[in-house]
Amino acid sequence: MKSRKQTEELTRQEFELRVKMEETKKKFDMYKAKMEALLISQLELLKDDGNEEN
């Protein structure tokens, strides 16, 4: 009986860790997309500044 409870507890902990990992991955993907958008907008601003100087 004790080993069954331990197995259930480990299964629950594994599930919680998988959920946290998925949440972290989603947050990282959102952060990465925001940073990519920011870099693209900065690149466009730099291109615009370069065109205005010519």
Protein backbone atom coordinates (compact mmCIF):
# COMPACT_ATOMS: atom_id res chain seq x y z
CA MET A 1 0.00 0.00 0.00
CA LYS A 2 2.81 2.38 0.87
CA SER A 3 4.57 1.84 -2.43
CA ARG A 4 1.32 2.54 -4.29
CA LYS A 5 0.95 5.90 -2.50
CA GLN A 6 4.56 6.74 -3.30
CA THR A 7 3.98 5.87 -6.95
CA GLU A 8 0.85 8.03 -7.06
CA GLU A 9 2.72 10.91 -5.44
CA LEU A 10 5.57 10.63 -7.93
CA THR A 11 3.09 10.49 -10.80
CA ARG A 12 1.37 13.63 -9.47
CA GLN A 13 4.70 15.43 -9.09
CA GLU A 14 5.73 14.43 -12.60
CA PHE A 15 2.47 15.78 -13.99
CA GLU A 16 2.92 19.09 -12.12
CA LEU A 17 6.46 19.41 -13.45
CA ARG A 18 5.30 18.74 -17.01
CA VAL A 19 2.60 21.41 -16.67
CA LYS A 20 5.13 23.91 -15.31
CA MET A 21 7.53 23.05 -18.12
CA GLU A 22 4.83 23.63 -20.75
CA GLU A 23 3.87 26.95 -19.15
CA THR A 24 7.51 28.03 -19.09
CA LYS A 25 7.95 27.01 -22.73
CA LYS A 26 4.89 29.05 -23.74
CA LYS A 27 6.16 32.08 -21.82
CA PHE A 28 9.58 31.72 -23.44
CA ASP A 29 8.02 31.44 -26.91
CA MET A 30 6.01 34.62 -26.24
CA TYR A 31 9.13 36.43 -24.99
CA LYS A 32 11.09 35.27 -28.04
CA ALA A 33 8.36 36.49 -30.41
CA LYS A 34 8.22 39.88 -28.67
CA MET A 35 11.99 40.27 -28.86
CA GLU A 36 11.97 39.30 -32.53
CA ALA A 37 9.26 41.89 -33.24
CA LEU A 38 11.25 44.50 -31.32
CA LEU A 39 14.43 43.75 -33.26
CA ILE A 40 12.57 43.89 -36.57
CA SER A 41 11.04 47.27 -35.68
CA GLN A 42 14.45 48.60 -34.64
CA LEU A 43 15.94 47.37 -37.90
CA GLU A 44 13.19 49.18 -39.83
CA LEU A 45 13.90 52.38 -37.88
CA LEU A 46 17.59 52.08 -38.65
CA LYS A 47 16.82 51.55 -42.34
CA ASP A 48 14.52 54.60 -42.32
CA ASP A 49 17.20 56.73 -40.65
CA GLY A 50 19.73 55.54 -43.20
CA ASN A 51 17.42 56.47 -46.09
CA GLU A 52 16.71 59.93 -44.66
CA GLU A 53 20.43 60.73 -44.41
CA ASN A 54 21.03 60.00 -48.11
